[in-house]
């Protein structure tokens, strides 16, 4: 059984696989939680704590991280990123998708926010959207997930809240940026020329190859390939 103990080993592992889940999304599919010792989590050491790794890879642009595996949290290597983008980013503009009824009002409003501002953390998004964690927060959280799933926005690191004196407090929350701002240009130029269907089949081929006794239809369902 693989046991990842160092940040560099984790980055190399995802680059080797192509993509990996954060936690178990399908029996037999590689996940960070399944390949790291439980005792290493939440130590706060960026070299040995897998909880730190997820935000660090996004901030350093070593790997992509977010709700990018069919809405599930996971990681994608640079060589695979443009394949996922082609497979899941709609060809129609957000305006066209709104007019055809493909996106909710909350998703539309959230995207308009990102058209005006970037590098927003979860609490800033809620404040800008006029919701709180308990009132309206779940709709906004789902919209954040949907924009990640379709490669409009992505995790770009994390940031703690600050009080009126500028002093940080509480737990750090994800910071999001538009994919077009965050993704390195060379990532987007890999594997060009694939159609959406070809990209999806490539993802499934690789997913089957890196997994253990995985059913292709089940993997397609988990990854949102329909």
C-alpha atoms as a PDB file:
ATOM      1  CA  UNK A   1       0.000   0.000   0.000  1.00  0.00           C
ATOM      2  CA  UNK A   2       1.373   3.421  -0.997  1.00  0.00           C
ATOM      3  CA  UNK A   3       2.049   5.791   1.906  1.00  0.00           C
ATOM      4  CA  UNK A   4       2.745   9.385   0.931  1.00  0.00           C
ATOM      5  CA  UNK A   5       4.591  11.217   3.699  1.00  0.00           C
ATOM      6  CA  UNK A   6       6.156  14.247   2.018  1.00  0.00           C
ATOM      7  CA  UNK A   7       4.683  17.061  -0.076  1.00  0.00           C
ATOM      8  CA  UNK A   8       7.042  16.372  -2.982  1.00  0.00           C
ATOM      9  CA  UNK A   9       6.047  12.694  -3.001  1.00  0.00           C
ATOM     10  CA  UNK A  10       2.387  13.699  -3.221  1.00  0.00           C
ATOM     11  CA  UNK A  11       2.983  16.080  -6.156  1.00  0.00           C
ATOM     12  CA  UNK A  12       4.977  13.399  -7.965  1.00  0.00           C
ATOM     13  CA  UNK A  13       2.247  10.846  -7.321  1.00  0.00           C
ATOM     14  CA  UNK A  14      -0.497  12.999  -8.871  1.00  0.00           C
ATOM     15  CA  UNK A  15       1.752  13.808 -11.821  1.00  0.00           C
ATOM     16  CA  UNK A  16       2.284  10.080 -12.270  1.00  0.00           C
ATOM     17  CA  UNK A  17      -1.430   9.252 -12.090  1.00  0.00           C
ATOM     18  CA  UNK A  18      -2.836  12.287 -13.896  1.00  0.00           C
ATOM     19  CA  UNK A  19      -5.580  12.931 -11.357  1.00  0.00           C
ATOM     20  CA  UNK A  20      -6.520  11.837  -7.825  1.00  0.00           C
ATOM     21  CA  UNK A  21      -9.405  12.345  -5.405  1.00  0.00           C
ATOM     22  CA  UNK A  22      -9.001  14.058  -2.041  1.00  0.00           C
ATOM     23  CA  UNK A  23     -11.066  11.411  -0.246  1.00  0.00           C
ATOM     24  CA  UNK A  24     -12.671   8.149  -1.302  1.00  0.00           C
ATOM     25  CA  UNK A  25     -15.164   8.792  -4.108  1.00  0.00           C
ATOM     26  CA  UNK A  26     -15.183   5.300  -5.597  1.00  0.00           C
ATOM     27  CA  UNK A  27     -13.813   2.013  -4.279  1.00  0.00           C
ATOM     28  CA  UNK A  28     -10.509   1.288  -5.997  1.00  0.00           C
ATOM     29  CA  UNK A  29      -9.876   4.853  -7.170  1.00  0.00           C
ATOM     30  CA  UNK A  30      -6.724   6.584  -5.810  1.00  0.00           C
ATOM     31  CA  UNK A  31      -7.287   9.194  -3.104  1.00  0.00           C
ATOM     32  CA  UNK A  32      -5.057  11.305  -0.906  1.00  0.00           C
ATOM     33  CA  UNK A  33      -6.839  10.101   2.230  1.00  0.00           C
ATOM     34  CA  UNK A  34      -6.264   6.504   1.158  1.00  0.00           C
ATOM     35  CA  UNK A  35      -2.552   6.939   0.480  1.00  0.00           C
ATOM     36  CA  UNK A  36      -1.468   8.896   3.561  1.00  0.00           C
ATOM     37  CA  UNK A  37      -1.129   7.866   7.223  1.00  0.00           C
ATOM     38  CA  UNK A  38      -4.068   9.133   9.295  1.00  0.00           C
ATOM     39  CA  UNK A  39      -1.695  10.407  11.981  1.00  0.00           C
ATOM     40  CA  UNK A  40      -0.115  12.921   9.576  1.00  0.00           C
ATOM     41  CA  UNK A  41      -3.288  14.932   9.031  1.00  0.00           C
ATOM     42  CA  UNK A  42      -3.880  18.331  10.687  1.00  0.00           C
ATOM     43  CA  UNK A  43      -0.407  18.689  12.162  1.00  0.00           C
ATOM     44  CA  UNK A  44      -0.031  22.076  10.446  1.00  0.00           C
ATOM     45  CA  UNK A  45       3.335  21.144   8.898  1.00  0.00           C
ATOM     46  CA  UNK A  46       3.200  22.081   5.176  1.00  0.00           C
ATOM     47  CA  UNK A  47       5.768  19.396   4.336  1.00  0.00           C
ATOM     48  CA  UNK A  48       4.043  16.466   6.021  1.00  0.00           C
ATOM     49  CA  UNK A  49       0.374  17.433   6.586  1.00  0.00           C
ATOM     50  CA  UNK A  50      -1.873  16.367   3.659  1.00  0.00           C
ATOM     51  CA  UNK A  51      -4.509  18.907   4.766  1.00  0.00           C
ATOM     52  CA  UNK A  52      -1.956  21.641   4.005  1.00  0.00           C
ATOM     53  CA  UNK A  53      -0.917  20.068   0.722  1.00  0.00           C
ATOM     54  CA  UNK A  54      -4.293  20.584  -0.957  1.00  0.00           C
ATOM     55  CA  UNK A  55      -4.124  24.370  -0.719  1.00  0.00           C
ATOM     56  CA  UNK A  56      -0.373  24.569  -1.181  1.00  0.00           C
ATOM     57  CA  UNK A  57      -0.422  22.842  -4.590  1.00  0.00           C
ATOM     58  CA  UNK A  58      -3.051  25.310  -5.826  1.00  0.00           C
ATOM     59  CA  UNK A  59      -1.219  28.350  -4.485  1.00  0.00           C
ATOM     60  CA  UNK A  60       2.087  27.191  -5.968  1.00  0.00           C
ATOM     61  CA  UNK A  61       0.365  26.062  -9.196  1.00  0.00           C
ATOM     62  CA  UNK A  62       1.901  22.619  -8.927  1.00  0.00           C
ATOM     63  CA  UNK A  63      -1.490  20.929  -9.384  1.00  0.00           C
ATOM     64  CA  UNK A  64      -5.104  22.006  -9.735  1.00  0.00           C
ATOM     65  CA  UNK A  65      -7.318  21.432  -6.697  1.00  0.00           C
ATOM     66  CA  UNK A  66     -11.016  21.888  -6.038  1.00  0.00           C
ATOM     67  CA  UNK A  67     -14.408  20.344  -6.758  1.00  0.00           C
ATOM     68  CA  UNK A  68     -13.090  19.380 -10.174  1.00  0.00           C
ATOM     69  CA  UNK A  69     -13.755  15.646 -10.367  1.00  0.00           C
ATOM     70  CA  UNK A  70     -17.448  15.665 -11.181  1.00  0.00           C
ATOM     71  CA  UNK A  71     -18.032  18.058  -8.302  1.00  0.00           C
ATOM     72  CA  UNK A  72     -15.909  15.976  -5.922  1.00  0.00           C
ATOM     73  CA  UNK A  73     -12.731  17.430  -4.451  1.00  0.00           C
ATOM     74  CA  UNK A  74      -9.570  16.259  -6.115  1.00  0.00           C
ATOM     75  CA  UNK A  75      -6.349  17.079  -7.917  1.00  0.00           C
ATOM     76  CA  UNK A  76      -5.399  17.266 -11.594  1.00  0.00           C
ATOM     77  CA  UNK A  77      -1.870  17.293 -13.001  1.00  0.00           C
ATOM     78  CA  UNK A  78      -0.713  19.953 -15.485  1.00  0.00           C
ATOM     79  CA  UNK A  79      -0.623  17.436 -18.370  1.00  0.00           C
ATOM     80  CA  UNK A  80      -4.245  16.461 -17.762  1.00  0.00           C
ATOM     81  CA  UNK A  81      -5.720  19.871 -17.003  1.00  0.00           C
ATOM     82  CA  UNK A  82      -6.619  20.919 -20.545  1.00  0.00           C
ATOM     83  CA  UNK A  83      -8.258  17.517 -21.093  1.00  0.00           C
ATOM     84  CA  UNK A  84     -10.552  18.082 -18.112  1.00  0.00           C
ATOM     85  CA  UNK A  85     -11.221  21.643 -19.249  1.00  0.00           C
ATOM     86  CA  UNK A  86     -12.228  20.425 -22.706  1.00  0.00           C
ATOM     87  CA  UNK A  87     -14.359  17.658 -21.217  1.00  0.00           C
ATOM     88  CA  UNK A  88     -16.290  19.776 -18.716  1.00  0.00           C
ATOM     89  CA  UNK A  89     -16.183  23.464 -19.628  1.00  0.00           C
ATOM     90  CA  UNK A  90     -19.318  24.323 -21.657  1.00  0.00           C
ATOM     91  CA  UNK A  91     -18.805  25.580 -25.204  1.00  0.00           C
ATOM     92  CA  UNK A  92     -21.665  28.070 -24.817  1.00  0.00           C
ATOM     93  CA  UNK A  93     -21.090  31.352 -23.006  1.00  0.00           C
ATOM     94  CA  UNK A  94     -22.522  31.809 -19.524  1.00  0.00           C
ATOM     95  CA  UNK A  95     -25.005  34.306 -20.990  1.00  0.00           C
ATOM     96  CA  UNK A  96     -26.206  31.705 -23.517  1.00  0.00           C
ATOM     97  CA  UNK A  97     -26.463  29.068 -20.803  1.00  0.00           C
ATOM     98  CA  UNK A  98     -28.494  31.443 -18.651  1.00  0.00           C
ATOM     99  CA  UNK A  99     -30.885  32.241 -21.497  1.00  0.00           C
ATOM    100  CA  UNK A 100     -31.415  28.540 -22.188  1.00  0.00           C
ATOM    101  CA  UNK A 101     -32.129  27.857 -18.500  1.00  0.00           C
ATOM    102  CA  UNK A 102     -29.001  25.785 -17.863  1.00  0.00           C
ATOM    103  CA  UNK A 103     -27.803  27.800 -14.864  1.00  0.00           C
ATOM    104  CA  UNK A 104     -29.586  29.002 -11.756  1.00  0.00           C
ATOM    105  CA  UNK A 105     -29.920  32.627 -10.757  1.00  0.00           C
ATOM    106  CA  UNK A 106     -27.444  32.064  -7.926  1.00  0.00           C
ATOM    107  CA  UNK A 107     -24.830  30.653 -10.309  1.00  0.00           C
ATOM    108  CA  UNK A 108     -25.381  33.578 -12.658  1.00  0.00           C
ATOM    109  CA  UNK A 109     -25.012  36.130  -9.845  1.00  0.00           C
ATOM    110  CA  UNK A 110     -21.890  34.400  -8.549  1.00  0.00           C
ATOM    111  CA  UNK A 111     -20.314  34.444 -12.000  1.00  0.00           C
ATOM    112  CA  UNK A 112     -21.123  38.149 -12.337  1.00  0.00           C
ATOM    113  CA  UNK A 113     -19.295  38.681  -9.045  1.00  0.00           C
ATOM    114  CA  UNK A 114     -16.203  36.937 -10.421  1.00  0.00           C
ATOM    115  CA  UNK A 115     -16.417  39.044 -13.566  1.00  0.00           C
ATOM    116  CA  UNK A 116     -15.933  42.079 -11.288  1.00  0.00           C
ATOM    117  CA  UNK A 117     -13.621  40.694  -8.607  1.00  0.00           C
ATOM    118  CA  UNK A 118     -11.177  37.838  -8.215  1.00  0.00           C
ATOM    119  CA  UNK A 119      -9.247  36.065  -5.456  1.00  0.00           C
ATOM    120  CA  UNK A 120     -12.291  35.881  -3.197  1.00  0.00           C
ATOM    121  CA  UNK A 121     -12.509  33.557  -0.219  1.00  0.00           C
ATOM    122  CA  UNK A 122     -15.695  31.849   0.948  1.00  0.00           C
ATOM    123  CA  UNK A 123     -16.631  34.451   3.545  1.00  0.00           C
ATOM    124  CA  UNK A 124     -16.037  37.305   1.098  1.00  0.00           C
ATOM    125  CA  UNK A 125     -18.252  35.599  -1.481  1.00  0.00           C
ATOM    126  CA  UNK A 126     -21.063  35.195   1.038  1.00  0.00           C
ATOM    127  CA  UNK A 127     -20.780  38.836   2.078  1.00  0.00           C
ATOM    128  CA  UNK A 128     -20.784  40.056  -1.525  1.00  0.00           C
ATOM    129  CA  UNK A 129     -23.771  37.823  -2.304  1.00  0.00           C
ATOM    130  CA  UNK A 130     -25.661  39.073   0.744  1.00  0.00           C
ATOM    131  CA  UNK A 131     -25.994  35.691   2.457  1.00  0.00           C
ATOM    132  CA  UNK A 132     -24.750  34.098   5.669  1.00  0.00           C
ATOM    133  CA  UNK A 133     -23.670  30.566   6.463  1.00  0.00           C
ATOM    134  CA  UNK A 134     -27.144  29.794   7.876  1.00  0.00           C
ATOM    135  CA  UNK A 135     -29.279  31.964   5.575  1.00  0.00           C
ATOM    136  CA  UNK A 136     -28.736  31.431   1.873  1.00  0.00           C
ATOM    137  CA  UNK A 137     -25.234  30.038   2.341  1.00  0.00           C
ATOM    138  CA  UNK A 138     -26.030  26.545   1.063  1.00  0.00           C
ATOM    139  CA  UNK A 139     -27.236  27.844  -2.323  1.00  0.00           C
ATOM    140  CA  UNK A 140     -24.076  29.890  -2.728  1.00  0.00           C
ATOM    141  CA  UNK A 141     -21.893  26.952  -1.673  1.00  0.00           C
ATOM    142  CA  UNK A 142     -23.570  24.790  -4.333  1.00  0.00           C
ATOM    143  CA  UNK A 143     -22.999  27.532  -6.918  1.00  0.00           C
ATOM    144  CA  UNK A 144     -19.306  27.690  -5.972  1.00  0.00           C
ATOM    145  CA  UNK A 145     -19.135  23.945  -6.448  1.00  0.00           C
ATOM    146  CA  UNK A 146     -20.880  24.124  -9.841  1.00  0.00           C
ATOM    147  CA  UNK A 147     -18.544  26.827 -11.170  1.00  0.00           C
ATOM    148  CA  UNK A 148     -15.586  24.673 -10.144  1.00  0.00           C
ATOM    149  CA  UNK A 149     -17.097  21.530 -11.653  1.00  0.00           C
ATOM    150  CA  UNK A 150     -17.426  23.282 -15.017  1.00  0.00           C
ATOM    151  CA  UNK A 151     -13.993  24.935 -14.819  1.00  0.00           C
ATOM    152  CA  UNK A 152     -15.094  28.555 -14.537  1.00  0.00           C
ATOM    153  CA  UNK A 153     -13.366  29.131 -11.192  1.00  0.00           C
ATOM    154  CA  UNK A 154     -10.791  27.175  -9.198  1.00  0.00           C
ATOM    155  CA  UNK A 155      -9.123  27.090  -5.791  1.00  0.00           C
ATOM    156  CA  UNK A 156      -6.091  29.377  -5.792  1.00  0.00           C
ATOM    157  CA  UNK A 157      -4.984  28.859  -2.170  1.00  0.00           C
ATOM    158  CA  UNK A 158      -6.515  29.839   1.146  1.00  0.00           C
ATOM    159  CA  UNK A 159      -6.779  32.841   3.445  1.00  0.00           C
ATOM    160  CA  UNK A 160      -7.908  33.528   7.012  1.00  0.00           C
ATOM    161  CA  UNK A 161     -10.397  36.225   7.964  1.00  0.00           C
ATOM    162  CA  UNK A 162      -9.004  39.460   9.394  1.00  0.00           C
ATOM    163  CA  UNK A 163     -10.475  41.713  12.070  1.00  0.00           C
ATOM    164  CA  UNK A 164     -10.739  45.511  11.882  1.00  0.00           C
ATOM    165  CA  UNK A 165      -7.101  45.774  12.930  1.00  0.00           C
ATOM    166  CA  UNK A 166      -5.957  43.495  10.121  1.00  0.00           C
ATOM    167  CA  UNK A 167      -5.183  40.608  12.477  1.00  0.00           C
ATOM    168  CA  UNK A 168      -6.022  37.149  11.085  1.00  0.00           C
ATOM    169  CA  UNK A 169      -8.332  34.850  13.025  1.00  0.00           C
ATOM    170  CA  UNK A 170     -10.237  31.576  12.681  1.00  0.00           C
ATOM    171  CA  UNK A 171      -9.668  28.793  10.184  1.00  0.00           C
ATOM    172  CA  UNK A 172      -8.378  29.568   6.702  1.00  0.00           C
ATOM    173  CA  UNK A 173     -10.933  29.224   3.904  1.00  0.00           C
ATOM    174  CA  UNK A 174     -10.454  28.570   0.201  1.00  0.00           C
ATOM    175  CA  UNK A 175      -9.621  31.463  -2.096  1.00  0.00           C
ATOM    176  CA  UNK A 176     -11.083  31.228  -5.609  1.00  0.00           C
ATOM    177  CA  UNK A 177      -9.994  32.757  -8.896  1.00  0.00           C
ATOM    178  CA  UNK A 178     -11.251  32.505 -12.462  1.00  0.00           C
ATOM    179  CA  UNK A 179      -9.649  29.622 -14.329  1.00  0.00           C
ATOM    180  CA  UNK A 180      -8.605  31.984 -17.121  1.00  0.00           C
ATOM    181  CA  UNK A 181      -6.591  33.992 -14.579  1.00  0.00           C
ATOM    182  CA  UNK A 182      -5.186  31.106 -12.564  1.00  0.00           C
ATOM    183  CA  UNK A 183      -4.318  28.313 -14.996  1.00  0.00           C
ATOM    184  CA  UNK A 184      -0.792  28.577 -16.477  1.00  0.00           C
ATOM    185  CA  UNK A 185      -0.869  29.109 -20.219  1.00  0.00           C
ATOM    186  CA  UNK A 186       1.219  26.024 -20.916  1.00  0.00           C
ATOM    187  CA  UNK A 187      -1.324  23.866 -19.071  1.00  0.00           C
ATOM    188  CA  UNK A 188      -4.069  25.081 -21.378  1.00  0.00           C
ATOM    189  CA  UNK A 189      -1.987  24.401 -24.485  1.00  0.00           C
ATOM    190  CA  UNK A 190      -1.442  20.712 -23.689  1.00  0.00           C
ATOM    191  CA  UNK A 191      -3.529  18.117 -25.535  1.00  0.00           C
ATOM    192  CA  UNK A 192      -5.221  20.637 -27.820  1.00  0.00           C
ATOM    193  CA  UNK A 193      -7.437  19.432 -30.643  1.00  0.00           C
ATOM    194  CA  UNK A 194      -9.514  16.958 -28.661  1.00  0.00           C
ATOM    195  CA  UNK A 195     -13.297  17.098 -28.852  1.00  0.00           C
ATOM    196  CA  UNK A 196     -15.371  17.039 -25.685  1.00  0.00           C
ATOM    197  CA  UNK A 197     -16.247  13.377 -26.222  1.00  0.00           C
ATOM    198  CA  UNK A 198     -12.642  12.416 -26.961  1.00  0.00           C
ATOM    199  CA  UNK A 199     -11.479  14.215 -23.820  1.00  0.00           C
ATOM    200  CA  UNK A 200     -14.075  12.412 -21.698  1.00  0.00           C
ATOM    201  CA  UNK A 201     -13.100   9.033 -23.107  1.00  0.00           C
ATOM    202  CA  UNK A 202      -9.427   9.811 -22.431  1.00  0.00           C
ATOM    203  CA  UNK A 203     -10.243  10.648 -18.803  1.00  0.00           C
ATOM    204  CA  UNK A 204     -12.176   7.403 -18.387  1.00  0.00           C
ATOM    205  CA  UNK A 205      -9.377   5.378 -20.006  1.00  0.00           C
ATOM    206  CA  UNK A 206      -6.832   6.829 -17.586  1.00  0.00           C
ATOM    207  CA  UNK A 207      -9.182   6.499 -14.614  1.00  0.00           C
ATOM    208  CA  UNK A 208      -9.647   2.787 -15.340  1.00  0.00           C
ATOM    209  CA  UNK A 209      -5.884   2.334 -15.769  1.00  0.00           C
ATOM    210  CA  UNK A 210      -4.939   3.990 -12.464  1.00  0.00           C
ATOM    211  CA  UNK A 211      -7.784   2.443 -10.479  1.00  0.00           C
ATOM    212  CA  UNK A 212      -8.292  -1.082  -9.214  1.00  0.00           C
ATOM    213  CA  UNK A 213     -11.235  -3.159 -10.456  1.00  0.00           C
ATOM    214  CA  UNK A 214     -13.275  -0.065 -11.356  1.00  0.00           C
ATOM    215  CA  UNK A 215     -16.420  -0.274 -13.463  1.00  0.00           C
ATOM    216  CA  UNK A 216     -16.306   2.199 -16.336  1.00  0.00           C
ATOM    217  CA  UNK A 217     -19.968   3.189 -16.004  1.00  0.00           C
ATOM    218  CA  UNK A 218     -19.563   3.774 -12.274  1.00  0.00           C
ATOM    219  CA  UNK A 219     -16.487   5.927 -12.859  1.00  0.00           C
ATOM    220  CA  UNK A 220     -18.352   7.906 -15.524  1.00  0.00           C
ATOM    221  CA  UNK A 221     -21.217   8.495 -13.088  1.00  0.00           C
ATOM    222  CA  UNK A 222     -18.908   9.671 -10.290  1.00  0.00           C
ATOM    223  CA  UNK A 223     -17.023  12.016 -12.632  1.00  0.00           C
ATOM    224  CA  UNK A 224     -20.219  13.470 -14.070  1.00  0.00           C
ATOM    225  CA  UNK A 225     -19.669  12.076 -17.550  1.00  0.00           C
ATOM    226  CA  UNK A 226     -23.127  11.425 -18.935  1.00  0.00           C
END
